[in-house]
C-alpha atoms as a PDB file:
ATOM      1  CA  MET A   1     165.058  89.067 107.735  1.00  0.00           C
ATOM      2  CA  VAL A   2     165.974  92.461 106.276  1.00  0.00           C
ATOM      3  CA  PRO A   3     168.770  91.193 103.962  1.00  0.00           C
ATOM      4  CA  VAL A   4     166.574  88.356 102.672  1.00  0.00           C
ATOM      5  CA  CYS A   5     163.651  90.667 101.899  1.00  0.00           C
ATOM      6  CA  LEU A   6     165.951  93.251 100.306  1.00  0.00           C
ATOM      7  CA  PHE A   7     167.611  90.572  98.169  1.00  0.00           C
ATOM      8  CA  MET A   8     164.254  89.320  96.901  1.00  0.00           C
ATOM      9  CA  VAL A   9     163.133  92.815  95.942  1.00  0.00           C
ATOM     10  CA  THR A  10     166.361  93.885  94.217  1.00  0.00           C
ATOM     11  CA  THR A  11     166.750  90.675  92.196  1.00  0.00           C
ATOM     12  CA  ILE A  12     163.247  90.651  90.699  1.00  0.00           C
ATOM     13  CA  THR A  13     162.952  94.402  90.068  1.00  0.00           C
ATOM     14  CA  GLU A  14     164.020  96.029  86.825  1.00  0.00           C
ATOM     15  CA  LYS A  15     166.359  99.034  87.095  1.00  0.00           C
ATOM     16  CA  LYS A  16     163.661 101.412  85.866  1.00  0.00           C
ATOM     17  CA  ASP A  17     161.331 100.323  88.713  1.00  0.00           C
ATOM     18  CA  LEU A  18     164.026 100.077  91.390  1.00  0.00           C
ATOM     19  CA  MET A  19     163.399 103.512  92.888  1.00  0.00           C
ATOM     20  CA  ARG A  20     159.706 102.833  93.435  1.00  0.00           C
ATOM     21  CA  SER A  21     160.377  99.411  94.969  1.00  0.00           C
ATOM     22  CA  ILE A  22     163.066 100.757  97.309  1.00  0.00           C
ATOM     23  CA  ALA A  23     160.673 103.530  98.368  1.00  0.00           C
ATOM     24  CA  TYR A  24     158.081 100.928  99.365  1.00  0.00           C
ATOM     25  CA  ILE A  25     160.490  98.980 101.583  1.00  0.00           C
ATOM     26  CA  THR A  26     162.190 102.127 102.930  1.00  0.00           C
ATOM     27  CA  TRP A  27     159.022 103.785 104.204  1.00  0.00           C
ATOM     28  CA  PRO A  28     158.392 101.330 107.093  1.00  0.00           C
ATOM     29  CA  GLY A  29     161.988 101.758 108.268  1.00  0.00           C
ATOM     30  CA  LEU A  30     161.503 105.522 108.446  1.00  0.00           C
ATOM     31  CA  ALA A  31     157.999 105.390 109.879  1.00  0.00           C
ATOM     32  CA  ALA A  32     158.502 102.836 112.641  1.00  0.00           C
ATOM     33  CA  PRO A  33     160.918 104.869 114.842  1.00  0.00           C
ATOM     34  CA  VAL A  34     158.645 107.896 114.535  1.00  0.00           C
ATOM     35  CA  ILE A  35     155.343 106.109 115.186  1.00  0.00           C
ATOM     36  CA  GLY A  36     156.930 104.291 118.116  1.00  0.00           C
ATOM     37  CA  PRO A  37     157.166 107.253 120.555  1.00  0.00           C
ATOM     38  CA  PRO A  38     153.479 108.269 120.450  1.00  0.00           C
ATOM     39  CA  VAL A  39     152.266 104.647 120.523  1.00  0.00           C
ATOM     40  CA  GLY A  40     154.711 103.732 123.279  1.00  0.00           C
ATOM     41  CA  GLY A  41     153.892 106.919 125.168  1.00  0.00           C
ATOM     42  CA  PHE A  42     150.165 106.182 124.962  1.00  0.00           C
ATOM     43  CA  ILE A  43     150.672 102.599 126.156  1.00  0.00           C
ATOM     44  CA  THR A  44     152.933 103.512 129.078  1.00  0.00           C
ATOM     45  CA  THR A  45     150.733 106.448 130.097  1.00  0.00           C
ATOM     46  CA  TYR A  46     147.332 104.748 129.944  1.00  0.00           C
ATOM     47  CA  SER A  47     148.155 101.037 130.193  1.00  0.00           C
ATOM     48  CA  SER A  48     150.962  98.641 131.127  1.00  0.00           C
ATOM     49  CA  TRP A  49     154.409  98.890 129.514  1.00  0.00           C
ATOM     50  CA  ARG A  50     154.220  95.125 128.911  1.00  0.00           C
ATOM     51  CA  TRP A  51     151.784  95.748 126.053  1.00  0.00           C
ATOM     52  CA  ILE A  52     154.672  97.280 124.086  1.00  0.00           C
ATOM     53  CA  PHE A  53     156.037  93.744 123.812  1.00  0.00           C
ATOM     54  CA  TYR A  54     152.703  91.914 123.566  1.00  0.00           C
ATOM     55  CA  LEU A  55     151.976  93.832 120.334  1.00  0.00           C
ATOM     56  CA  ASN A  56     154.839  91.997 118.623  1.00  0.00           C
ATOM     57  CA  VAL A  57     153.031  88.663 118.898  1.00  0.00           C
ATOM     58  CA  PRO A  58     150.153  89.359 116.429  1.00  0.00           C
ATOM     59  CA  LEU A  59     152.535  91.244 114.134  1.00  0.00           C
ATOM     60  CA  GLY A  60     154.862  88.231 114.066  1.00  0.00           C
ATOM     61  CA  ILE A  61     151.966  85.874 113.332  1.00  0.00           C
ATOM     62  CA  ILE A  62     150.830  88.090 110.441  1.00  0.00           C
ATOM     63  CA  GLY A  63     154.390  88.056 109.057  1.00  0.00           C
ATOM     64  CA  ILE A  64     154.556  84.247 109.220  1.00  0.00           C
ATOM     65  CA  VAL A  65     151.192  83.847 107.469  1.00  0.00           C
ATOM     66  CA  LEU A  66     152.123  86.270 104.674  1.00  0.00           C
ATOM     67  CA  ALA A  67     155.488  84.553 104.169  1.00  0.00           C
ATOM     68  CA  LEU A  68     153.768  81.159 103.839  1.00  0.00           C
ATOM     69  CA  LEU A  69     151.269  82.571 101.354  1.00  0.00           C
ATOM     70  CA  TRP A  70     153.557  84.665  99.164  1.00  0.00           C
ATOM     71  CA  ILE A  71     157.085  83.230  99.287  1.00  0.00           C
ATOM     72  CA  THR A  72     158.153  80.002  97.590  1.00  0.00           C
ATOM     73  CA  ASN A  73     161.550  78.325  97.298  1.00  0.00           C
ATOM     74  CA  ASP A  74     163.161  78.378  93.867  1.00  0.00           C
ATOM     75  CA  LYS A  75     165.438  75.417  94.720  1.00  0.00           C
ATOM     76  CA  GLU A  76     168.425  77.372  93.460  1.00  0.00           C
ATOM     77  CA  LYS A  77     171.673  76.006  94.852  1.00  0.00           C
ATOM     78  CA  ALA A  78     173.763  78.397  96.889  1.00  0.00           C
ATOM     79  CA  GLY A  79     177.447  78.378  97.665  1.00  0.00           C
ATOM     80  CA  ARG A  80     178.946  77.013 100.859  1.00  0.00           C
ATOM     81  CA  PHE A  81     178.049  79.144 103.876  1.00  0.00           C
ATOM     82  CA  ASP A  82     180.970  81.046 105.394  1.00  0.00           C
ATOM     83  CA  TRP A  83     180.583  80.036 109.037  1.00  0.00           C
ATOM     84  CA  LEU A  84     183.939  81.464 110.131  1.00  0.00           C
ATOM     85  CA  GLY A  85     183.208  84.812 108.522  1.00  0.00           C
ATOM     86  CA  PHE A  86     179.734  84.767 110.068  1.00  0.00           C
ATOM     87  CA  VAL A  87     181.057  84.169 113.593  1.00  0.00           C
ATOM     88  CA  LEU A  88     183.862  86.731 113.301  1.00  0.00           C
ATOM     89  CA  ALA A  89     181.743  89.464 111.700  1.00  0.00           C
ATOM     90  CA  GLY A  90     178.742  88.795 113.933  1.00  0.00           C
ATOM     91  CA  THR A  91     180.639  88.903 117.194  1.00  0.00           C
ATOM     92  CA  ALA A  92     182.669  91.926 116.028  1.00  0.00           C
ATOM     93  CA  GLY A  93     179.530  93.872 115.164  1.00  0.00           C
ATOM     94  CA  THR A  94     177.804  92.911 118.406  1.00  0.00           C
ATOM     95  CA  SER A  95     180.829  93.841 120.506  1.00  0.00           C
ATOM     96  CA  PHE A  96     181.211  97.190 118.752  1.00  0.00           C
ATOM     97  CA  MET A  97     177.545  98.078 119.279  1.00  0.00           C
ATOM     98  CA  TYR A  98     177.730  97.062 122.929  1.00  0.00           C
ATOM     99  CA  SER A  99     180.860  99.148 123.482  1.00  0.00           C
ATOM    100  CA  LEU A 100     178.968 102.197 122.194  1.00  0.00           C
ATOM    101  CA  GLU A 101     176.094 101.335 124.509  1.00  0.00           C
ATOM    102  CA  LEU A 102     178.515 101.234 127.449  1.00  0.00           C
ATOM    103  CA  MET A 103     179.924 104.635 126.475  1.00  0.00           C
ATOM    104  CA  GLY A 104     176.474 106.167 126.794  1.00  0.00           C
ATOM    105  CA  GLN A 105     175.840 104.848 130.309  1.00  0.00           C
ATOM    106  CA  GLN A 106     176.039 107.094 133.343  1.00  0.00           C
ATOM    107  CA  ASN A 107     178.616 104.961 135.170  1.00  0.00           C
ATOM    108  CA  LEU A 108     181.127 104.424 132.377  1.00  0.00           C
ATOM    109  CA  ARG A 109     183.387 101.387 132.917  1.00  0.00           C
ATOM    110  CA  TRP A 110     186.432 102.054 130.759  1.00  0.00           C
ATOM    111  CA  SER A 111     187.996  98.609 131.195  1.00  0.00           C
ATOM    112  CA  LEU A 112     184.863  96.741 130.074  1.00  0.00           C
ATOM    113  CA  THR A 113     184.230  99.222 127.260  1.00  0.00           C
ATOM    114  CA  GLY A 114     187.826  98.909 126.064  1.00  0.00           C
ATOM    115  CA  MET A 115     187.639  95.122 126.148  1.00  0.00           C
ATOM    116  CA  PHE A 116     184.550  94.959 123.897  1.00  0.00           C
ATOM    117  CA  LEU A 117     185.815  97.711 121.594  1.00  0.00           C
ATOM    118  CA  GLY A 118     189.231  96.054 121.301  1.00  0.00           C
ATOM    119  CA  TYR A 119     187.707  92.664 120.504  1.00  0.00           C
ATOM    120  CA  SER A 120     185.438  94.183 117.862  1.00  0.00           C
ATOM    121  CA  LEU A 121     188.395  95.788 116.090  1.00  0.00           C
ATOM    122  CA  ILE A 122     190.506  92.611 116.216  1.00  0.00           C
ATOM    123  CA  ALA A 123     187.703  90.235 115.189  1.00  0.00           C
ATOM    124  CA  GLY A 124     186.536  92.643 112.489  1.00  0.00           C
ATOM    125  CA  SER A 125     190.043  92.895 111.017  1.00  0.00           C
ATOM    126  CA  ILE A 126     190.438  89.111 110.981  1.00  0.00           C
ATOM    127  CA  ALA A 127     186.993  88.764 109.386  1.00  0.00           C
ATOM    128  CA  VAL A 128     187.922  91.164 106.568  1.00  0.00           C
ATOM    129  CA  LEU A 129     191.200  89.312 105.894  1.00  0.00           C
ATOM    130  CA  HIS A 130     189.388  85.973 105.896  1.00  0.00           C
ATOM    131  CA  MET A 131     186.597  87.091 103.573  1.00  0.00           C
ATOM    132  CA  ARG A 132     189.062  88.585 101.109  1.00  0.00           C
ATOM    133  CA  ARG A 133     190.770  85.198 100.754  1.00  0.00           C
ATOM    134  CA  THR A 134     188.031  82.578 101.007  1.00  0.00           C
ATOM    135  CA  GLU A 135     186.279  81.209  97.924  1.00  0.00           C
ATOM    136  CA  HIS A 136     182.714  81.788  99.187  1.00  0.00           C
ATOM    137  CA  PRO A 137     182.893  84.810 101.502  1.00  0.00           C
ATOM    138  CA  LEU A 138     180.020  85.933 103.661  1.00  0.00           C
ATOM    139  CA  ILE A 139     180.526  89.440 102.215  1.00  0.00           C
ATOM    140  CA  ASP A 140     182.157  90.131  98.859  1.00  0.00           C
ATOM    141  CA  PHE A 141     184.098  93.365  99.361  1.00  0.00           C
ATOM    142  CA  ASN A 142     184.480  93.786  95.610  1.00  0.00           C
ATOM    143  CA  CYS A 143     181.126  95.580  95.844  1.00  0.00           C
ATOM    144  CA  LEU A 144     182.985  98.491  97.415  1.00  0.00           C
ATOM    145  CA  LYS A 145     184.790  99.014  94.103  1.00  0.00           C
ATOM    146  CA  VAL A 146     181.484 100.252  92.675  1.00  0.00           C
ATOM    147  CA  PRO A 147     181.543 104.051  93.369  1.00  0.00           C
ATOM    148  CA  THR A 148     177.817 104.424  94.050  1.00  0.00           C
ATOM    149  CA  PHE A 149     177.738 101.465  96.423  1.00  0.00           C
ATOM    150  CA  SER A 150     180.887 102.653  98.192  1.00  0.00           C
ATOM    151  CA  LEU A 151     179.407 106.100  98.799  1.00  0.00           C
ATOM    152  CA  VAL A 152     176.248 104.582 100.263  1.00  0.00           C
ATOM    153  CA  MET A 153     178.326 102.417 102.597  1.00  0.00           C
ATOM    154  CA  TRP A 154     180.461 105.270 103.975  1.00  0.00           C
ATOM    155  CA  GLY A 155     178.687 108.615 103.708  1.00  0.00           C
ATOM    156  CA  GLY A 156     175.293 106.927 103.658  1.00  0.00           C
ATOM    157  CA  SER A 157     176.002 105.139 106.935  1.00  0.00           C
ATOM    158  CA  LEU A 158     176.970 108.417 108.565  1.00  0.00           C
ATOM    159  CA  PHE A 159     173.712 109.964 107.415  1.00  0.00           C
ATOM    160  CA  ARG A 160     171.647 107.038 108.714  1.00  0.00           C
ATOM    161  CA  ILE A 161     173.377 107.418 112.079  1.00  0.00           C
ATOM    162  CA  ALA A 162     172.552 111.126 112.162  1.00  0.00           C
ATOM    163  CA  ILE A 163     168.867 110.840 111.238  1.00  0.00           C
ATOM    164  CA  SER A 164     168.234 107.938 113.625  1.00  0.00           C
ATOM    165  CA  VAL A 165     169.364 110.101 116.533  1.00  0.00           C
ATOM    166  CA  SER A 166     166.381 112.456 116.255  1.00  0.00           C
ATOM    167  CA  PRO A 167     163.597 109.961 117.175  1.00  0.00           C
ATOM    168  CA  PHE A 168     165.735 109.030 120.202  1.00  0.00           C
ATOM    169  CA  LEU A 169     166.911 112.420 121.498  1.00  0.00           C
ATOM    170  CA  LEU A 170     163.833 114.517 120.715  1.00  0.00           C
ATOM    171  CA  PRO A 171     161.367 112.611 122.955  1.00  0.00           C
ATOM    172  CA  LEU A 172     163.962 112.615 125.735  1.00  0.00           C
ATOM    173  CA  MET A 173     164.472 116.366 125.423  1.00  0.00           C
ATOM    174  CA  PHE A 174     160.750 117.032 125.364  1.00  0.00           C
ATOM    175  CA  GLN A 175     160.197 114.926 128.488  1.00  0.00           C
ATOM    176  CA  LEU A 176     163.328 115.431 130.614  1.00  0.00           C
ATOM    177  CA  ALA A 177     164.201 119.024 129.688  1.00  0.00           C
ATOM    178  CA  PHE A 178     160.832 120.513 128.661  1.00  0.00           C
ATOM    179  CA  GLY A 179     158.676 118.633 131.190  1.00  0.00           C
ATOM    180  CA  MET A 180     156.229 117.044 128.737  1.00  0.00           C
ATOM    181  CA  SER A 181     154.546 113.694 129.304  1.00  0.00           C
ATOM    182  CA  ALA A 182     155.527 110.656 127.233  1.00  0.00           C
ATOM    183  CA  PHE A 183     152.304 110.904 125.261  1.00  0.00           C
ATOM    184  CA  GLN A 184     152.688 114.640 124.607  1.00  0.00           C
ATOM    185  CA  SER A 185     156.258 114.294 123.377  1.00  0.00           C
ATOM    186  CA  GLY A 186     155.255 111.331 121.221  1.00  0.00           C
ATOM    187  CA  LEU A 187     152.512 113.329 119.551  1.00  0.00           C
ATOM    188  CA  LEU A 188     154.949 116.155 118.863  1.00  0.00           C
ATOM    189  CA  VAL A 189     157.471 113.799 117.254  1.00  0.00           C
ATOM    190  CA  LEU A 190     154.636 112.491 115.095  1.00  0.00           C
ATOM    191  CA  ALA A 191     155.223 115.564 112.912  1.00  0.00           C
ATOM    192  CA  LEU A 192     158.365 113.748 111.711  1.00  0.00           C
ATOM    193  CA  PHE A 193     156.179 110.927 110.432  1.00  0.00           C
ATOM    194  CA  ALA A 194     153.958 113.399 108.613  1.00  0.00           C
ATOM    195  CA  GLY A 195     157.044 114.781 106.866  1.00  0.00           C
ATOM    196  CA  ASN A 196     158.215 111.279 105.935  1.00  0.00           C
ATOM    197  CA  LEU A 197     154.827 110.489 104.445  1.00  0.00           C
ATOM    198  CA  GLY A 198     154.497 113.813 102.654  1.00  0.00           C
ATOM    199  CA  MET A 199     157.806 113.476 100.804  1.00  0.00           C
ATOM    200  CA  LYS A 200     157.026 110.041  99.345  1.00  0.00           C
ATOM    201  CA  THR A 201     154.764 111.425  96.637  1.00  0.00           C
ATOM    202  CA  VAL A 202     157.413 113.787  95.240  1.00  0.00           C
ATOM    203  CA  THR A 203     160.656 111.822  95.712  1.00  0.00           C
ATOM    204  CA  THR A 204     160.607 110.276  92.243  1.00  0.00           C
ATOM    205  CA  PRO A 205     159.763 113.531  90.350  1.00  0.00           C
ATOM    206  CA  ILE A 206     162.501 115.426  92.210  1.00  0.00           C
ATOM    207  CA  LEU A 207     165.158 112.802  91.438  1.00  0.00           C
ATOM    208  CA  ARG A 208     164.010 112.649  87.806  1.00  0.00           C
ATOM    209  CA  ARG A 209     164.287 116.441  87.520  1.00  0.00           C
ATOM    210  CA  PHE A 210     167.620 117.024  89.269  1.00  0.00           C
ATOM    211  CA  GLY A 211     169.402 113.653  89.549  1.00  0.00           C
ATOM    212  CA  PHE A 212     170.968 111.918  92.537  1.00  0.00           C
ATOM    213  CA  ARG A 213     174.089 114.043  93.070  1.00  0.00           C
ATOM    214  CA  PRO A 214     172.432 117.503  93.365  1.00  0.00           C
ATOM    215  CA  VAL A 215     169.596 116.120  95.496  1.00  0.00           C
ATOM    216  CA  LEU A 216     171.915 114.312  97.909  1.00  0.00           C
ATOM    217  CA  LEU A 217     174.180 117.346  98.227  1.00  0.00           C
ATOM    218  CA  VAL A 218     171.537 120.032  98.708  1.00  0.00           C
ATOM    219  CA  ASN A 219     169.101 117.958 100.724  1.00  0.00           C
ATOM    220  CA  GLY A 220     171.954 116.628 102.853  1.00  0.00           C
ATOM    221  CA  LEU A 221     172.939 120.169 103.793  1.00  0.00           C
ATOM    222  CA  ILE A 222     169.307 120.978 104.574  1.00  0.00           C
ATOM    223  CA  SER A 223     169.081 117.908 106.813  1.00  0.00           C
ATOM    224  CA  ALA A 224     172.206 118.932 108.711  1.00  0.00           C
ATOM    225  CA  ALA A 225     170.822 122.461 109.156  1.00  0.00           C
ATOM    226  CA  LEU A 226     167.488 121.155 110.461  1.00  0.00           C
ATOM    227  CA  ILE A 227     169.207 118.862 112.971  1.00  0.00           C
ATOM    228  CA  PHE A 228     171.238 121.894 114.098  1.00  0.00           C
ATOM    229  CA  SER A 229     167.997 123.877 114.499  1.00  0.00           C
ATOM    230  CA  PHE A 230     166.955 121.563 117.334  1.00  0.00           C
ATOM    231  CA  SER A 231     169.852 123.027 119.338  1.00  0.00           C
ATOM    232  CA  LEU A 232     168.075 126.396 119.242  1.00  0.00           C
ATOM    233  CA  ILE A 233     164.655 125.431 120.606  1.00  0.00           C
ATOM    234  CA  GLY A 234     163.632 125.476 124.269  1.00  0.00           C
ATOM    235  CA  SER A 235     160.623 124.897 126.474  1.00  0.00           C
ATOM    236  CA  ALA A 236     159.379 128.418 125.626  1.00  0.00           C
ATOM    237  CA  THR A 237     159.561 127.838 121.867  1.00  0.00           C
ATOM    238  CA  PRO A 238     156.063 127.940 120.305  1.00  0.00           C
ATOM    239  CA  LYS A 239     154.706 124.462 119.595  1.00  0.00           C
ATOM    240  CA  VAL A 240     153.814 125.547 116.081  1.00  0.00           C
ATOM    241  CA  LEU A 241     157.463 126.313 115.309  1.00  0.00           C
ATOM    242  CA  MET A 242     158.525 122.957 116.767  1.00  0.00           C
ATOM    243  CA  VAL A 243     156.005 121.169 114.562  1.00  0.00           C
ATOM    244  CA  VAL A 244     157.225 123.053 111.469  1.00  0.00           C
ATOM    245  CA  LEU A 245     160.864 122.128 112.163  1.00  0.00           C
ATOM    246  CA  LEU A 246     159.979 118.493 112.858  1.00  0.00           C
ATOM    247  CA  PHE A 247     157.849 118.283 109.709  1.00  0.00           C
ATOM    248  CA  ALA A 248     160.634 119.803 107.578  1.00  0.00           C
ATOM    249  CA  HIS A 249     163.134 117.389 109.115  1.00  0.00           C
ATOM    250  CA  GLY A 250     160.819 114.517 108.239  1.00  0.00           C
ATOM    251  CA  LEU A 251     160.687 115.703 104.633  1.00  0.00           C
ATOM    252  CA  SER A 252     164.460 115.977 104.290  1.00  0.00           C
ATOM    253  CA  ARG A 253     165.328 112.700 106.056  1.00  0.00           C
ATOM    254  CA  SER A 254     162.798 110.813 103.914  1.00  0.00           C
ATOM    255  CA  MET A 255     164.217 112.285 100.699  1.00  0.00           C
ATOM    256  CA  GLN A 256     167.799 111.491 101.653  1.00  0.00           C
ATOM    257  CA  PHE A 257     167.050 108.048 103.032  1.00  0.00           C
ATOM    258  CA  THR A 258     165.146 106.890  99.945  1.00  0.00           C
ATOM    259  CA  SER A 259     167.730 108.364  97.554  1.00  0.00           C
ATOM    260  CA  ILE A 260     170.655 106.712  99.326  1.00  0.00           C
ATOM    261  CA  ASN A 261     168.940 103.334  99.555  1.00  0.00           C
ATOM    262  CA  THR A 262     168.078 103.406  95.847  1.00  0.00           C
ATOM    263  CA  LEU A 263     171.539 104.532  94.792  1.00  0.00           C
ATOM    264  CA  ALA A 264     173.123 101.525  96.502  1.00  0.00           C
ATOM    265  CA  PHE A 265     172.026  99.085  93.800  1.00  0.00           C
ATOM    266  CA  VAL A 266     171.944 101.125  90.589  1.00  0.00           C
ATOM    267  CA  ASP A 267     175.338  99.829  89.380  1.00  0.00           C
ATOM    268  CA  ILE A 268     175.449  96.421  91.093  1.00  0.00           C
ATOM    269  CA  PRO A 269     175.273  93.490  88.608  1.00  0.00           C
ATOM    270  CA  LYS A 270     172.713  90.759  89.233  1.00  0.00           C
ATOM    271  CA  SER A 271     175.454  88.230  89.992  1.00  0.00           C
ATOM    272  CA  ALA A 272     176.674  90.316  92.940  1.00  0.00           C
ATOM    273  CA  MET A 273     173.250  91.386  94.193  1.00  0.00           C
ATOM    274  CA  SER A 274     173.054  88.749  96.943  1.00  0.00           C
ATOM    275  CA  SER A 275     176.295  89.797  98.616  1.00  0.00           C
ATOM    276  CA  ALA A 276     175.647  93.506  98.047  1.00  0.00           C
ATOM    277  CA  SER A 277     172.140  93.402  99.503  1.00  0.00           C
ATOM    278  CA  SER A 278     173.319  91.451 102.552  1.00  0.00           C
ATOM    279  CA  PHE A 279     176.227  93.836 103.122  1.00  0.00           C
ATOM    280  CA  PHE A 280     173.972  96.850 102.663  1.00  0.00           C
ATOM    281  CA  ALA A 281     171.216  95.570 104.962  1.00  0.00           C
ATOM    282  CA  VAL A 282     173.614  94.706 107.775  1.00  0.00           C
ATOM    283  CA  MET A 283     175.355  98.085 107.543  1.00  0.00           C
ATOM    284  CA  GLN A 284     171.991  99.829 107.445  1.00  0.00           C
ATOM    285  CA  GLN A 285     170.736  98.078 110.570  1.00  0.00           C
ATOM    286  CA  MET A 286     174.018  98.700 112.381  1.00  0.00           C
ATOM    287  CA  SER A 287     174.078 102.392 111.477  1.00  0.00           C
ATOM    288  CA  LEU A 288     170.458 102.851 112.557  1.00  0.00           C
ATOM    289  CA  GLY A 289     171.218 101.072 115.819  1.00  0.00           C
ATOM    290  CA  MET A 290     174.390 103.099 116.241  1.00  0.00           C
ATOM    291  CA  GLY A 291     172.275 106.242 115.966  1.00  0.00           C
ATOM    292  CA  VAL A 292     170.732 105.520 119.367  1.00  0.00           C
ATOM    293  CA  ALA A 293     174.158 104.764 120.847  1.00  0.00           C
ATOM    294  CA  VAL A 294     175.697 107.865 119.268  1.00  0.00           C
ATOM    295  CA  GLY A 295     172.786 109.923 120.579  1.00  0.00           C
ATOM    296  CA  ALA A 296     173.456 108.655 124.098  1.00  0.00           C
ATOM    297  CA  VAL A 297     177.188 109.316 123.758  1.00  0.00           C
ATOM    298  CA  THR A 298     176.730 112.863 122.431  1.00  0.00           C
ATOM    299  CA  LEU A 299     174.262 113.594 125.234  1.00  0.00           C
ATOM    300  CA  ARG A 300     176.792 112.282 127.740  1.00  0.00           C
ATOM    301  CA  ILE A 301     179.440 114.543 126.188  1.00  0.00           C
ATOM    302  CA  GLY A 302     177.081 117.511 126.526  1.00  0.00           C
ATOM    303  CA  MET A 303     176.518 116.716 130.203  1.00  0.00           C
ATOM    304  CA  TRP A 304     180.265 116.400 130.778  1.00  0.00           C
ATOM    305  CA  VAL A 305     181.050 119.698 129.021  1.00  0.00           C
ATOM    306  CA  HIS A 306     178.409 121.560 130.992  1.00  0.00           C
ATOM    307  CA  GLY A 307     179.671 120.623 134.440  1.00  0.00           C
ATOM    308  CA  GLY A 308     179.831 116.898 134.917  1.00  0.00           C
ATOM    309  CA  ILE A 309     177.431 113.974 134.818  1.00  0.00           C
ATOM    310  CA  SER A 310     174.143 114.648 136.579  1.00  0.00           C
ATOM    311  CA  ALA A 311     171.098 112.442 137.022  1.00  0.00           C
ATOM    312  CA  THR A 312     168.987 114.405 134.511  1.00  0.00           C
ATOM    313  CA  PRO A 313     170.352 116.126 131.389  1.00  0.00           C
ATOM    314  CA  SER A 314     169.525 119.800 130.918  1.00  0.00           C
ATOM    315  CA  THR A 315     168.342 121.638 127.810  1.00  0.00           C
ATOM    316  CA  THR A 316     171.899 122.822 127.060  1.00  0.00           C
ATOM    317  CA  ASP A 317     173.125 119.214 127.208  1.00  0.00           C
ATOM    318  CA  PHE A 318     170.632 118.237 124.526  1.00  0.00           C
ATOM    319  CA  HIS A 319     171.550 121.307 122.481  1.00  0.00           C
ATOM    320  CA  LEU A 320     175.226 120.332 122.355  1.00  0.00           C
ATOM    321  CA  ALA A 321     174.258 116.769 121.433  1.00  0.00           C
ATOM    322  CA  PHE A 322     172.257 118.010 118.436  1.00  0.00           C
ATOM    323  CA  ILE A 323     175.155 120.238 117.356  1.00  0.00           C
ATOM    324  CA  LEU A 324     177.497 117.229 117.353  1.00  0.00           C
ATOM    325  CA  VAL A 325     174.982 115.133 115.417  1.00  0.00           C
ATOM    326  CA  SER A 326     174.521 117.921 112.842  1.00  0.00           C
ATOM    327  CA  VAL A 327     178.277 117.800 112.214  1.00  0.00           C
ATOM    328  CA  ILE A 328     177.969 114.078 111.420  1.00  0.00           C
ATOM    329  CA  ALA A 329     175.139 114.843 108.977  1.00  0.00           C
ATOM    330  CA  LEU A 330     177.222 117.604 107.397  1.00  0.00           C
ATOM    331  CA  ILE A 331     180.168 115.247 106.796  1.00  0.00           C
ATOM    332  CA  ALA A 332     177.769 112.758 105.190  1.00  0.00           C
ATOM    333  CA  ALA A 333     176.405 115.460 102.885  1.00  0.00           C
ATOM    334  CA  VAL A 334     179.857 116.661 101.831  1.00  0.00           C
ATOM    335  CA  ASP A 335     180.823 113.064 101.004  1.00  0.00           C
ATOM    336  CA  CYS A 336     178.164 113.102  98.262  1.00  0.00           C
ATOM    337  CA  ALA A 337     180.271 115.624  96.303  1.00  0.00           C
ATOM    338  CA  ARG A 338     182.442 112.786  94.990  1.00  0.00           C
ATOM    339  CA  LEU A 339     179.446 111.231  93.248  1.00  0.00           C
ATOM    340  CA  ASP A 340     179.417 111.279  89.450  1.00  0.00           C
ATOM    341  CA  PRO A 341     176.930 113.880  88.103  1.00  0.00           C
ATOM    342  CA  HIS A 342     175.237 111.219  85.970  1.00  0.00           C
ATOM    343  CA  ALA A 343     175.152 108.506  88.624  1.00  0.00           C
ATOM    344  CA  GLY A 344     171.871 106.599  88.747  1.00  0.00           C
ATOM    345  CA  ALA A 345     170.461 108.247  85.611  1.00  0.00           C
ATOM    346  CA  GLU A 346     169.084 104.918  84.387  1.00  0.00           C
ATOM    347  CA  VAL A 347     167.092 104.521  87.607  1.00  0.00           C
ATOM    348  CA  SER A 348     166.017 108.129  88.166  1.00  0.00           C
ATOM    349  CA  GLY A 349     165.068 108.631  84.524  1.00  0.00           C
ATOM    350  CA  ARG A 350     166.903 111.964  84.373  1.00  0.00           C
ATOM    351  CA  LYS A 351     168.073 112.906  80.895  1.00  0.00           C
ATOM    352  CA  ALA A 352     171.514 114.480  80.492  1.00  0.00           C
END
């Protein structure tokens, strides 16, 4: 659903309005993981956990109704669907994600993990070779020749991994290490959402004033520093300071996320927009999903470094996990240095 929606938006939007449109469709992706903990914590604390899943039913019905009302077919003929590429890439991606999930489990099974990881690498390599040779590939890798799109795929994916760790690790640290309830930790993480929302009103003016490259570099470093700051807090840290750090992190992750998502399509021609949007959406969903897996793996590493795997991670285990994640965010920020100083000027409206 995400690639289809993204394709519709990017194909009908003029370059000058692209940043505003991307901001609209980016905001739910940032807000949902942050709203989830307090809502889920409230449901599990005061009701049945099953209601977490029941809530999807009315939301799905609303989505179906809106799609029937607003979306029409244009009868445009598409190329032949690449079934072989779809099977190879789909199973490779699924196997890779599952291997990361296995790495984060308490009882790590190396043989099973190696089997899924090995298959993902082999199937992924075959998929790339196939799609480079077939006439109608599932993904056109020529998009990676566009510098802005390439940067979003590599450094941008690393950043999405890093920022998606926070909504996963923070509630766990607040509950398991600090002794808070699910509802209390969810309310605390809600400060992230406030930061996400607060940045939306100033994203466009900031990019118009400074341009994509300076914003991605400076804000990326700030994001890495804020993720690192979570390795310095403890159960005795004043709640006010925690809220300030979470709010600032929400501001920085929103700025970076919206800028990266907009930059992906500034230099993509209309003829390649379908393949580019599909490629981008899949990589975005995988990197966001990998954030949870990477968070589990880094936490497991912290537990191993601090004396072996125990049933409940300690505060120091979480601290090491956040340090490792901040390094990932730092690498993503440094990668933005290779961006052209005038990249995305047509979209941001910045004058040279």
